[in-house]
Each structure stands twice: as C-alpha cells, then as structure tokens.
Amino acid sequence: MSITGSVSDGVRKAAILLMSLDEDDAASLLAKLPRSYVETVSIAIAQLDTISGRDQ
C-alpha cells in the first residue's frame, strides 16, 4: 500500500475515522494493523488540510 501523489479515497476515509476516534481507541486500532498500513494512514493524516462536514 503506497501513496503516489494524492491519497486514495479509502486511505483518506481511514485517516478521517482515526482522527475522529478517542486517542486510546485510535491507538488500539492502529496496533492491530500492519506497519505499512500504519505508515500510509499516518501520511494521509498529515496531508489532511480540512475535513468537510460531509466527510465527518
């Protein structure tokens, strides 16, 4: 799983979901994912500027 240019819709949705969770819940979920997925979604979180009301 890699990001080239823009973030895929699925990765963006995962990033938004993780950002909306309580910190402990997000950490628990991330701990269950493969390292490459964690890296990818972490990059997506860093690239998010704003989240529209529709995406929330």
C-alpha atoms as a PDB file:
ATOM      1  CA  MET A   1       0.000   0.000   0.000  1.00  0.00           C
ATOM      2  CA  SER A   2       1.555   3.287  -1.027  1.00  0.00           C
ATOM      3  CA  ILE A   3       0.574   6.854  -1.705  1.00  0.00           C
ATOM      4  CA  THR A   4       1.539   8.365  -5.022  1.00  0.00           C
ATOM      5  CA  GLY A   5       0.506  11.962  -5.422  1.00  0.00           C
ATOM      6  CA  SER A   6      -2.892  12.120  -3.761  1.00  0.00           C
ATOM      7  CA  VAL A   7      -4.327   9.926  -1.067  1.00  0.00           C
ATOM      8  CA  SER A   8      -6.772   7.224  -2.190  1.00  0.00           C
ATOM      9  CA  ASP A   9     -10.358   7.629  -1.051  1.00  0.00           C
ATOM     10  CA  GLY A  10     -10.151   4.573   1.228  1.00  0.00           C
ATOM     11  CA  VAL A  11      -6.979   5.768   2.919  1.00  0.00           C
ATOM     12  CA  ARG A  12      -8.482   9.246   3.364  1.00  0.00           C
ATOM     13  CA  LYS A  13     -11.586   7.729   4.960  1.00  0.00           C
ATOM     14  CA  ALA A  14      -9.434   5.641   7.306  1.00  0.00           C
ATOM     15  CA  ALA A  15      -7.456   8.753   8.269  1.00  0.00           C
ATOM     16  CA  ILE A  16     -10.652  10.691   8.996  1.00  0.00           C
ATOM     17  CA  LEU A  17     -12.055   7.817  11.033  1.00  0.00           C
ATOM     18  CA  LEU A  18      -8.882   7.530  13.106  1.00  0.00           C
ATOM     19  CA  MET A  19      -8.839  11.271  13.733  1.00  0.00           C
ATOM     20  CA  SER A  20     -12.445  11.154  14.948  1.00  0.00           C
ATOM     21  CA  LEU A  21     -11.775   8.399  17.485  1.00  0.00           C
ATOM     22  CA  ASP A  22     -10.672   8.821  21.060  1.00  0.00           C
ATOM     23  CA  GLU A  23      -6.850   8.695  21.247  1.00  0.00           C
ATOM     24  CA  ASP A  24      -6.820   5.351  23.086  1.00  0.00           C
ATOM     25  CA  ASP A  25      -9.266   3.780  20.628  1.00  0.00           C
ATOM     26  CA  ALA A  26      -7.263   5.001  17.647  1.00  0.00           C
ATOM     27  CA  ALA A  27      -4.044   3.668  19.165  1.00  0.00           C
ATOM     28  CA  SER A  28      -5.684   0.301  19.830  1.00  0.00           C
ATOM     29  CA  LEU A  29      -6.891   0.079  16.249  1.00  0.00           C
ATOM     30  CA  LEU A  30      -3.529   1.123  14.796  1.00  0.00           C
ATOM     31  CA  ALA A  31      -1.784  -1.519  16.922  1.00  0.00           C
ATOM     32  CA  LYS A  32      -3.745  -4.204  15.053  1.00  0.00           C
ATOM     33  CA  LEU A  33      -2.725  -3.011  11.581  1.00  0.00           C
ATOM     34  CA  PRO A  34       0.389  -3.986   9.631  1.00  0.00           C
ATOM     35  CA  ARG A  35       3.195  -1.439   9.896  1.00  0.00           C
ATOM     36  CA  SER A  36       2.918  -0.458   6.221  1.00  0.00           C
ATOM     37  CA  TYR A  37      -0.771   0.429   6.695  1.00  0.00           C
ATOM     38  CA  VAL A  38       0.020   2.493   9.777  1.00  0.00           C
ATOM     39  CA  GLU A  39       2.675   4.390   7.829  1.00  0.00           C
ATOM     40  CA  THR A  40       0.318   5.008   4.925  1.00  0.00           C
ATOM     41  CA  VAL A  41      -2.580   6.243   7.040  1.00  0.00           C
ATOM     42  CA  SER A  42      -0.203   8.362   9.138  1.00  0.00           C
ATOM     43  CA  ILE A  43       0.956  10.108   5.991  1.00  0.00           C
ATOM     44  CA  ALA A  44      -2.664  10.624   4.966  1.00  0.00           C
ATOM     45  CA  ILE A  45      -3.461  12.176   8.354  1.00  0.00           C
ATOM     46  CA  ALA A  46      -0.528  14.550   7.963  1.00  0.00           C
ATOM     47  CA  GLN A  47      -1.741  15.530   4.488  1.00  0.00           C
ATOM     48  CA  LEU A  48      -5.320  16.331   5.546  1.00  0.00           C
ATOM     49  CA  ASP A  49      -5.988  20.052   5.473  1.00  0.00           C
ATOM     50  CA  THR A  50      -9.635  20.258   6.365  1.00  0.00           C
ATOM     51  CA  ILE A  51     -12.446  17.770   6.713  1.00  0.00           C
ATOM     52  CA  SER A  52     -15.792  18.774   5.257  1.00  0.00           C
ATOM     53  CA  GLY A  53     -18.972  18.267   7.221  1.00  0.00           C
ATOM     54  CA  ARG A  54     -19.979  15.620   4.692  1.00  0.00           C
ATOM     55  CA  ASP A  55     -16.796  13.633   5.337  1.00  0.00           C
ATOM     56  CA  GLN A  56     -17.210  13.834   9.096  1.00  0.00           C
END
